[in-house]
Amino acid sequence: MLTLRLTLESFLFAWDALKSNLLRTILSLLGVTVGIFSIIAVFTIVDSLEANIRSSLDFVGDKVIYVQKWPFEFGAEFPWWKYFNRPNPSPREFQQLRRQLGPNNKGIAIFAAKSGNTFKAGSNSVADCTLQGVSYDYRAVSNVPIKEGRYFTQQEMDGARPVAIIGATIAENLFPGTSAVGQQLKARGQTFTVIAVLEKEGKKLLTISSNDANCLIPFPMFTKLFALNITGLSGGPSASIAVKGRDEDAGLLDLEYEMRGVMRNIRGLKPREEDSFALNRPEMIASAIGKLFGVIGLVGGVIGSFAILVGGFGIANIMFVSVRERTNIIGIQKSLGAKNFFILFQFLFEAVFLCLIGGAAGLLLVWLVTLVPQDALPLTMSAARVVLGLLISVGIGIVAGIVPAVLAANLDPVIAIRAK
């Protein structure tokens, strides 16, 4: 109980000291405010940037392995010459892979895309759109958020029917003020019937994955409009094969081993020959993104720490001044029986409270910045960053105030009382 009472009194002494020197208090906490703002602002921007890019990559799906020509590799020493002559996955390989794969998958799909298309409906048109051919199980391996209408039927796929699922931008431009479902549009000289409209995604940092200007059609119909690049050396769109793994297959190791064996068998590769295909996973991109933003966050934290360091020196300087100004009062308190830890806590609390106020002000500024409307990069400050900012403030307060507090606690009461 005595310890609690002395701690509370230390708090009150510190609070009174801060109020009695309001201008000095404000000037002191500005350094901490700028420091916390710099660090948390950098972390918030990095977090928002990473979240936006990861959201933009949602189209690659989760627990999916892709069969492609090029591997998901990053770095300056990318050996592109090893992969240049590889063939692209073909519809024949897709059919064989679908027949030969065991029960380790939940769906397999083939898809290909061609950008730069112009769609027309009556007197309306929309340019620079993507036409994407997909097989029936495409929605099992990728996100297809339908807002209105329905997905393809197996009969429409097998019969190469001219039906389409269009993005929100296409629907808004071709069929303004009315439902697009059941309407017809023209692309590449072919008339398509719209059976569904996708949910609007809006702007993203990486627009390559946006469905807003995307039009899905049955893969057999797509191959009628475009000649696929099978050899990997000619022009035309190239296809990719995606296989959805099961939840119980940890790390998709069983599925990957099986896919590699089946694909090597399909392509007739000898035991000592290297794979002529790549088995890619979204985790490879996610891992590369994580490493990249880890470095960016580290650099930003180091830069911001210089600002916080300046604020810490400012707090320490003010605390030394405060100890000198209150030396006489410290001597009186100690002569009346005040313990060393009481004096220590008194000045340490003052430093910590000063830093907490400055840190809270810095966090408030970051939060106000996140309220500014941003189309390309909306900023969001997480609760973890708020806690981090407060913890840094407490740490700076302790580091900046510990030496002045120890000096004050160790003052000789007789000498301190005589001080002027």
Protein backbone atom coordinates (compact mmCIF):
# COMPACT_ATOMS: atom_id res chain seq x y z
CA MET A 1 0.00 0.00 0.00
CA LEU A 2 2.85 2.39 0.83
CA THR A 3 4.53 1.65 -2.48
CA LEU A 4 1.29 2.37 -4.34
CA ARG A 5 0.82 5.65 -2.46
CA LEU A 6 4.37 6.78 -3.14
CA THR A 7 4.01 5.83 -6.80
CA LEU A 8 0.82 7.88 -7.06
CA GLU A 9 2.52 10.84 -5.40
CA SER A 10 5.40 10.52 -7.87
CA PHE A 11 2.88 10.66 -10.66
CA LEU A 12 1.25 13.79 -9.21
CA PHE A 13 4.62 15.53 -8.72
CA ALA A 14 5.56 14.76 -12.31
CA TRP A 15 2.20 16.00 -13.60
CA ASP A 16 2.47 19.25 -11.63
CA ALA A 17 5.98 19.80 -12.99
CA LEU A 18 4.78 19.36 -16.56
CA LYS A 19 1.86 21.77 -16.06
CA SER A 20 4.00 24.42 -14.37
CA ASN A 21 6.34 24.56 -17.39
CA LEU A 22 3.79 24.21 -20.17
CA LEU A 23 5.79 25.96 -22.93
CA ARG A 24 8.91 23.94 -22.17
CA THR A 25 6.80 20.77 -22.12
CA ILE A 26 5.32 21.50 -25.55
CA LEU A 27 8.70 22.28 -27.07
CA SER A 28 10.16 19.12 -25.56
CA LEU A 29 7.49 16.78 -26.86
CA LEU A 30 7.71 18.16 -30.41
CA GLY A 31 10.85 16.12 -31.03
CA VAL A 32 9.17 12.93 -29.88
CA THR A 33 6.06 13.79 -31.91
CA VAL A 34 8.09 14.20 -35.09
CA GLY A 35 10.05 11.01 -34.38
CA ILE A 36 7.01 8.83 -33.70
CA PHE A 37 5.23 10.34 -36.69
CA SER A 38 8.19 9.53 -38.95
CA ILE A 39 8.57 5.93 -37.82
CA ILE A 40 4.88 4.99 -37.68
CA ALA A 41 4.13 6.85 -40.93
CA VAL A 42 6.83 4.86 -42.72
CA PHE A 43 5.58 1.57 -41.27
CA THR A 44 1.97 2.46 -42.11
CA ILE A 45 2.84 3.28 -45.72
CA VAL A 46 4.88 0.08 -46.05
CA ASP A 47 2.08 -2.02 -44.50
CA SER A 48 -0.55 -0.42 -46.75
CA LEU A 49 1.64 -0.84 -49.82
CA GLU A 50 2.28 -4.50 -49.04
CA ALA A 51 -1.41 -5.15 -48.31
CA ASN A 52 -2.42 -3.47 -51.56
CA ILE A 53 0.03 -5.50 -53.63
CA ARG A 54 -0.99 -8.74 -51.91
CA SER A 55 -4.63 -7.86 -52.54
CA SER A 56 -3.78 -7.19 -56.18
CA LEU A 57 -2.32 -10.70 -56.36
CA ASP A 58 -5.46 -12.41 -55.03
CA PHE A 59 -6.17 -13.58 -58.57
CA VAL A 60 -3.40 -16.19 -58.31
CA GLY A 61 -5.47 -18.07 -55.74
CA ASP A 62 -4.61 -19.91 -52.55
CA LYS A 63 -3.14 -23.45 -52.31
CA VAL A 64 -2.71 -23.52 -56.09
CA ILE A 65 0.20 -24.81 -58.19
CA TYR A 66 0.64 -23.42 -61.70
CA VAL A 67 2.21 -25.23 -64.65
CA GLN A 68 3.94 -22.58 -66.74
CA LYS A 69 6.93 -21.96 -68.98
CA TRP A 70 8.67 -19.38 -66.77
CA PRO A 71 9.34 -19.92 -63.06
CA PHE A 72 8.51 -17.37 -60.38
CA GLU A 73 12.10 -16.36 -59.76
CA PHE A 74 13.46 -12.98 -58.76
CA GLY A 75 16.93 -11.51 -58.76
CA ALA A 76 19.61 -10.06 -60.98
CA GLU A 77 20.98 -13.51 -61.89
CA PHE A 78 17.77 -14.87 -63.41
CA PRO A 79 18.92 -17.53 -65.96
CA TRP A 80 16.32 -16.68 -68.62
CA TRP A 81 18.27 -18.55 -71.34
CA LYS A 82 17.50 -21.86 -69.59
CA TYR A 83 13.76 -21.31 -69.98
CA PHE A 84 13.50 -19.44 -73.27
CA ASN A 85 13.18 -22.55 -75.47
CA ARG A 86 10.66 -24.29 -73.23
CA PRO A 87 7.21 -25.01 -74.69
CA ASN A 88 4.10 -23.55 -73.11
CA PRO A 89 1.45 -25.78 -71.53
CA SER A 90 -1.03 -27.03 -74.13
CA PRO A 91 -4.69 -28.11 -74.08
CA ARG A 92 -3.54 -31.68 -74.77
CA GLU A 93 -1.31 -31.63 -71.69
CA PHE A 94 -4.19 -30.19 -69.68
CA GLN A 95 -6.44 -33.08 -70.67
CA GLN A 96 -3.75 -35.65 -69.90
CA LEU A 97 -2.91 -34.03 -66.59
CA ARG A 98 -6.58 -33.99 -65.61
CA ARG A 99 -6.93 -37.69 -66.41
CA GLN A 100 -3.71 -38.85 -64.74
CA LEU A 101 -3.71 -36.81 -61.52
CA GLY A 102 -4.89 -38.65 -58.43
CA PRO A 103 -7.20 -37.49 -55.65
CA ASN A 104 -4.73 -34.90 -54.25
CA ASN A 105 -6.44 -32.03 -56.07
CA LYS A 106 -9.78 -30.22 -55.82
CA GLY A 107 -9.85 -28.92 -59.38
CA ILE A 108 -7.70 -28.30 -62.44
CA ALA A 109 -8.13 -25.55 -65.02
CA ILE A 110 -6.46 -24.12 -68.11
CA PHE A 111 -6.67 -20.48 -69.06
CA ALA A 112 -5.16 -17.91 -71.41
CA ALA A 113 -5.67 -14.20 -71.98
CA LYS A 114 -5.32 -11.59 -74.71
CA SER A 115 -5.26 -7.90 -73.83
CA GLY A 116 -5.93 -4.80 -75.94
CA ASN A 117 -9.41 -5.76 -77.10
CA THR A 118 -12.28 -3.41 -77.97
CA PHE A 119 -15.82 -4.48 -77.06
CA LYS A 120 -18.92 -3.02 -78.72
CA ALA A 121 -22.63 -3.05 -77.97
CA GLY A 122 -24.83 -0.90 -80.18
CA SER A 123 -23.30 2.58 -80.33
CA ASN A 124 -21.25 2.03 -77.16
CA SER A 125 -17.71 0.70 -77.03
CA VAL A 126 -14.94 0.19 -74.51
CA ALA A 127 -11.26 -0.27 -75.40
CA ASP A 128 -8.18 -1.82 -73.83
CA CYS A 129 -10.00 -4.80 -72.31
CA THR A 130 -8.76 -8.32 -71.67
CA LEU A 131 -10.40 -11.36 -73.22
CA GLN A 132 -9.68 -14.44 -71.12
CA GLY A 133 -10.53 -18.02 -71.99
CA VAL A 134 -11.07 -20.33 -69.02
CA SER A 135 -12.03 -23.95 -68.53
CA TYR A 136 -14.95 -25.06 -66.34
CA ASP A 137 -13.00 -25.49 -63.08
CA TYR A 138 -11.41 -22.04 -63.31
CA ARG A 139 -13.51 -20.78 -60.41
CA ALA A 140 -12.06 -23.59 -58.25
CA VAL A 141 -8.50 -22.30 -58.72
CA SER A 142 -9.15 -18.55 -58.91
CA ASN A 143 -11.51 -15.98 -57.45
CA VAL A 144 -14.52 -15.25 -59.70
CA PRO A 145 -16.71 -12.84 -57.68
CA ILE A 146 -20.01 -12.77 -59.58
CA LYS A 147 -22.30 -9.88 -58.64
CA GLU A 148 -25.14 -10.61 -61.05
CA GLY A 149 -25.91 -13.65 -63.17
CA ARG A 150 -24.35 -17.12 -63.16
CA TYR A 151 -21.20 -19.06 -63.97
CA PHE A 152 -20.62 -21.14 -67.11
CA THR A 153 -22.27 -24.54 -67.43
CA GLN A 154 -20.36 -27.64 -68.50
CA GLN A 155 -22.45 -27.77 -71.69
CA GLU A 156 -21.43 -24.22 -72.60
CA MET A 157 -17.81 -25.16 -72.10
CA ASP A 158 -17.95 -28.37 -74.10
CA GLY A 159 -19.92 -26.72 -76.90
CA ALA A 160 -17.68 -23.62 -77.09
CA ARG A 161 -20.77 -21.42 -76.70
CA PRO A 162 -20.39 -17.64 -77.26
CA VAL A 163 -21.22 -16.62 -73.69
CA ALA A 164 -19.30 -14.19 -71.50
CA ILE A 165 -18.81 -13.03 -67.92
CA ILE A 166 -17.80 -9.38 -67.99
CA GLY A 167 -16.19 -6.97 -65.53
CA ALA A 168 -17.89 -3.95 -64.00
CA THR A 169 -16.13 -1.39 -66.22
CA ILE A 170 -17.23 -3.18 -69.37
CA ALA A 171 -20.83 -3.43 -68.11
CA GLU A 172 -20.95 0.26 -67.11
CA ASN A 173 -19.66 1.46 -70.49
CA LEU A 174 -21.56 -0.87 -72.79
CA PHE A 175 -24.85 -1.07 -70.90
CA PRO A 176 -25.22 2.13 -68.83
CA GLY A 177 -28.30 2.33 -66.65
CA THR A 178 -29.45 -1.22 -67.36
CA SER A 179 -28.63 -4.81 -66.48
CA ALA A 180 -25.95 -6.34 -68.69
CA VAL A 181 -27.12 -9.92 -68.11
CA GLY A 182 -28.80 -11.24 -71.24
CA GLN A 183 -27.36 -8.45 -73.43
CA GLN A 184 -25.03 -9.01 -76.36
CA LEU A 185 -21.61 -7.57 -77.13
CA LYS A 186 -19.14 -7.98 -79.96
CA ALA A 187 -15.45 -8.75 -79.69
CA ARG A 188 -13.05 -9.97 -82.36
CA GLY A 189 -15.94 -10.24 -84.82
CA GLN A 190 -17.84 -12.64 -82.53
CA THR A 191 -21.13 -11.89 -80.77
CA PHE A 192 -21.28 -12.94 -77.12
CA THR A 193 -24.23 -13.19 -74.75
CA VAL A 194 -23.52 -11.81 -71.28
CA ILE A 195 -24.44 -14.31 -68.56
CA ALA A 196 -22.88 -12.56 -65.55
CA VAL A 197 -21.22 -9.38 -64.29
CA LEU A 198 -18.29 -9.47 -61.87
CA GLU A 199 -18.09 -7.39 -58.70
CA LYS A 200 -16.34 -4.06 -59.07
CA GLU A 201 -12.80 -4.09 -57.69
CA GLY A 202 -11.80 -0.48 -58.25
CA LYS A 203 -8.26 0.77 -58.66
CA LYS A 204 -5.36 -1.26 -57.37
CA LEU A 205 -1.65 -0.64 -57.25
CA LEU A 206 -1.16 -3.56 -59.63
CA THR A 207 -3.92 -3.25 -62.21
CA ILE A 208 -2.87 -6.40 -64.09
CA SER A 209 -5.17 -8.46 -61.90
CA SER A 210 -8.28 -6.25 -62.00
CA ASN A 211 -11.43 -7.97 -63.19
CA ASP A 212 -13.15 -4.67 -64.00
CA ALA A 213 -11.91 -4.66 -67.61
CA ASN A 214 -11.82 -8.45 -67.95
CA CYS A 215 -14.13 -10.66 -70.00
CA LEU A 216 -14.22 -14.40 -69.33
CA ILE A 217 -15.29 -16.78 -72.11
CA PRO A 218 -15.14 -20.60 -72.49
CA PHE A 219 -11.63 -21.78 -73.29
CA PRO A 220 -12.70 -23.71 -76.46
CA MET A 221 -14.25 -20.50 -77.80
CA PHE A 222 -11.04 -18.62 -76.97
CA THR A 223 -8.99 -21.09 -79.05
CA LYS A 224 -11.30 -20.41 -82.00
CA LEU A 225 -10.47 -16.71 -81.83
CA PHE A 226 -6.74 -16.99 -81.11
CA ALA A 227 -3.98 -19.41 -82.07
CA LEU A 228 -2.25 -20.46 -78.85
CA ASN A 229 1.51 -20.16 -78.54
CA ILE A 230 2.31 -23.82 -77.80
CA THR A 231 5.99 -23.93 -78.85
CA GLY A 232 6.91 -20.93 -76.73
CA LEU A 233 8.68 -19.31 -79.68
CA SER A 234 5.79 -18.07 -81.83
CA GLY A 235 3.36 -15.22 -81.24
CA GLY A 236 -0.08 -15.47 -79.71
CA PRO A 237 -1.32 -15.90 -76.14
CA SER A 238 0.16 -18.66 -74.00
CA ALA A 239 -1.85 -20.91 -71.71
CA SER A 240 -1.29 -21.78 -68.07
CA ILE A 241 -2.56 -24.78 -66.11
CA ALA A 242 -3.57 -24.39 -62.47
CA VAL A 243 -4.28 -27.17 -59.95
CA LYS A 244 -6.04 -26.56 -56.65
CA GLY A 245 -4.62 -28.53 -53.71
CA ARG A 246 -6.45 -30.01 -50.75
CA ASP A 247 -6.34 -28.53 -47.26
CA GLU A 248 -5.03 -31.74 -45.73
CA ASP A 249 -1.99 -31.72 -48.06
CA ALA A 250 0.36 -29.62 -45.90
CA GLY A 251 2.58 -27.49 -48.12
CA LEU A 252 1.05 -29.18 -51.20
CA LEU A 253 4.07 -31.49 -51.23
CA ASP A 254 2.13 -34.57 -52.35
CA LEU A 255 0.42 -32.64 -55.13
CA GLU A 256 3.69 -31.11 -56.33
CA TYR A 257 5.48 -34.47 -56.45
CA GLU A 258 2.58 -36.00 -58.33
CA MET A 259 2.31 -33.10 -60.80
CA ARG A 260 6.03 -33.17 -61.51
CA GLY A 261 5.97 -36.90 -62.19
CA VAL A 262 2.91 -36.69 -64.45
CA MET A 263 4.24 -33.71 -66.41
CA ARG A 264 7.63 -35.34 -66.94
CA ASN A 265 5.86 -38.44 -68.19
CA ILE A 266 3.64 -36.40 -70.53
CA ARG A 267 6.63 -34.62 -72.03
CA GLY A 268 8.72 -37.80 -72.23
CA LEU A 269 11.61 -36.50 -70.16
CA LYS A 270 14.42 -38.90 -69.25
CA PRO A 271 15.44 -39.32 -65.59
CA ARG A 272 18.54 -37.12 -65.91
CA GLU A 273 16.89 -34.40 -67.98
CA GLU A 274 15.83 -31.17 -66.32
CA ASP A 275 12.17 -30.21 -66.13
CA SER A 276 10.96 -28.41 -69.26
CA PHE A 277 8.23 -26.69 -67.24
CA ALA A 278 7.89 -24.70 -64.04
CA LEU A 279 5.65 -25.50 -61.08
CA ASN A 280 4.89 -22.11 -59.57
CA ARG A 281 3.16 -21.21 -56.33
CA PRO A 282 1.72 -17.88 -55.16
CA GLU A 283 3.81 -18.29 -51.99
CA MET A 284 6.91 -17.58 -54.10
CA ILE A 285 5.56 -14.13 -54.94
CA ALA A 286 4.38 -13.60 -51.37
CA SER A 287 7.80 -14.57 -50.02
CA ALA A 288 9.57 -12.18 -52.39
CA ILE A 289 7.16 -9.39 -51.47
CA GLY A 290 7.68 -10.09 -47.77
CA LYS A 291 11.46 -9.88 -48.10
CA LEU A 292 11.27 -6.70 -50.17
CA PHE A 293 9.00 -4.88 -47.75
CA GLY A 294 10.98 -6.19 -44.81
CA VAL A 295 14.03 -4.38 -46.18
CA ILE A 296 11.99 -1.25 -46.96
CA GLY A 297 10.51 -1.26 -43.46
CA LEU A 298 13.97 -1.70 -41.91
CA VAL A 299 15.43 1.21 -43.89
CA GLY A 300 12.41 3.38 -43.05
CA GLY A 301 12.72 2.47 -39.37
CA VAL A 302 16.41 3.38 -39.32
CA ILE A 303 15.68 6.74 -40.96
CA GLY A 304 12.83 7.43 -38.56
CA SER A 305 14.96 6.42 -35.58
CA PHE A 306 17.23 9.42 -36.19
CA ALA A 307 14.24 11.70 -35.64
CA ILE A 308 13.30 9.83 -32.47
CA LEU A 309 16.93 10.04 -31.32
CA VAL A 310 16.85 13.82 -31.62
CA GLY A 311 13.60 13.87 -29.64
CA GLY A 312 15.19 11.67 -26.96
CA PHE A 313 18.14 14.03 -26.57
CA GLY A 314 15.68 16.91 -26.22
CA ILE A 315 13.80 15.10 -23.45
CA ALA A 316 17.05 14.23 -21.64
CA ASN A 317 18.22 17.82 -21.81
CA ILE A 318 14.93 19.10 -20.39
CA MET A 319 15.09 16.52 -17.58
CA PHE A 320 18.60 17.67 -16.60
CA VAL A 321 17.31 21.24 -16.48
CA SER A 322 14.33 20.11 -14.40
CA VAL A 323 16.60 18.33 -11.90
CA ARG A 324 18.75 21.46 -11.51
CA GLU A 325 15.71 23.70 -11.04
CA ARG A 326 14.18 21.42 -8.40
CA THR A 327 17.36 20.48 -6.50
CA ASN A 328 16.23 22.46 -3.45
CA ILE A 329 12.81 20.77 -3.46
CA ILE A 330 14.48 17.35 -3.79
CA GLY A 331 16.62 18.12 -0.72
CA ILE A 332 13.53 19.09 1.30
CA GLN A 333 11.68 15.91 0.21
CA LYS A 334 14.62 13.69 1.15
CA SER A 335 15.04 15.43 4.51
CA LEU A 336 11.39 14.71 5.23
CA GLY A 337 11.94 11.01 4.62
CA ALA A 338 11.40 10.58 0.88
CA LYS A 339 13.12 7.44 -0.39
CA ASN A 340 15.47 7.39 -3.36
CA PHE A 341 13.03 5.36 -5.48
CA PHE A 342 10.37 8.02 -4.84
CA ILE A 343 12.61 10.71 -6.34
CA LEU A 344 13.67 8.33 -9.10
CA PHE A 345 10.08 7.52 -10.07
CA GLN A 346 9.12 11.17 -9.89
CA PHE A 347 11.54 12.19 -12.65
CA LEU A 348 11.24 8.95 -14.61
CA PHE A 349 7.44 9.31 -14.74
CA GLU A 350 7.87 12.87 -15.93
CA ALA A 351 10.07 11.76 -18.83
CA VAL A 352 7.79 8.85 -19.75
CA PHE A 353 4.62 10.96 -19.61
CA LEU A 354 6.28 13.61 -21.73
CA CYS A 355 7.21 11.02 -24.35
CA LEU A 356 3.76 9.39 -24.24
CA ILE A 357 2.07 12.72 -24.91
CA GLY A 358 4.44 13.39 -27.80
CA GLY A 359 4.01 9.86 -29.13
CA ALA A 360 0.22 10.10 -28.93
CA ALA A 361 0.36 13.37 -30.85
CA GLY A 362 2.52 11.71 -33.52
CA LEU A 363 0.09 8.78 -33.80
CA LEU A 364 -2.80 11.23 -34.10
CA LEU A 365 -1.06 12.95 -37.01
CA VAL A 366 -0.51 9.61 -38.77
CA TRP A 367 -4.18 8.71 -38.25
CA LEU A 368 -5.24 12.06 -39.73
CA VAL A 369 -3.08 11.34 -42.78
CA THR A 370 -4.83 7.98 -43.26
CA LEU A 371 -8.16 9.84 -43.46
CA VAL A 372 -7.07 11.66 -46.63
CA PRO A 373 -8.89 9.96 -49.57
CA GLN A 374 -6.50 7.89 -51.70
CA ASP A 375 -7.61 5.94 -54.77
CA ALA A 376 -4.36 4.20 -55.67
CA LEU A 377 -3.04 3.54 -52.15
CA PRO A 378 -5.51 3.78 -49.26
CA LEU A 379 -3.59 4.01 -45.98
CA THR A 380 -4.58 2.04 -42.90
CA MET A 381 -2.89 2.27 -39.50
CA SER A 382 -3.14 -1.03 -37.67
CA ALA A 383 -3.57 -1.45 -33.92
CA ALA A 384 -0.15 -3.14 -33.82
CA ARG A 385 1.47 0.05 -35.11
CA VAL A 386 -0.35 2.11 -32.48
CA VAL A 387 0.96 -0.20 -29.76
CA LEU A 388 4.43 -0.06 -31.31
CA GLY A 389 4.36 3.75 -31.28
CA LEU A 390 3.35 3.86 -27.62
CA LEU A 391 5.99 1.29 -26.65
CA ILE A 392 8.68 3.27 -28.47
CA SER A 393 7.52 6.39 -26.63
CA VAL A 394 7.78 4.63 -23.27
CA GLY A 395 11.21 3.25 -24.18
CA ILE A 396 12.51 6.68 -25.22
CA GLY A 397 11.12 8.17 -22.01
CA ILE A 398 12.90 5.59 -19.87
CA VAL A 399 16.20 5.92 -21.74
CA ALA A 400 16.08 9.71 -21.78
CA GLY A 401 14.98 10.07 -18.16
CA ILE A 402 16.90 7.34 -16.35
CA VAL A 403 20.21 9.23 -15.98
CA PRO A 404 18.66 12.51 -14.73
CA ALA A 405 16.36 10.51 -12.43
CA VAL A 406 19.29 8.56 -10.93
CA LEU A 407 21.25 11.77 -10.40
CA ALA A 408 18.26 13.34 -8.65
CA ALA A 409 17.71 10.27 -6.47
CA ASN A 410 21.36 10.19 -5.34
CA LEU A 411 21.58 13.86 -4.34
CA ASP A 412 22.79 14.53 -0.80
CA PRO A 413 19.85 16.16 1.04
CA VAL A 414 22.04 18.65 2.94
CA ILE A 415 23.81 19.86 -0.21
CA ALA A 416 20.53 19.84 -2.17
CA ILE A 417 18.73 22.05 0.39
CA ARG A 418 21.48 24.68 0.19
CA ALA A 419 21.28 24.79 -3.62
CA LYS A 420 19.85 27.96 -5.17
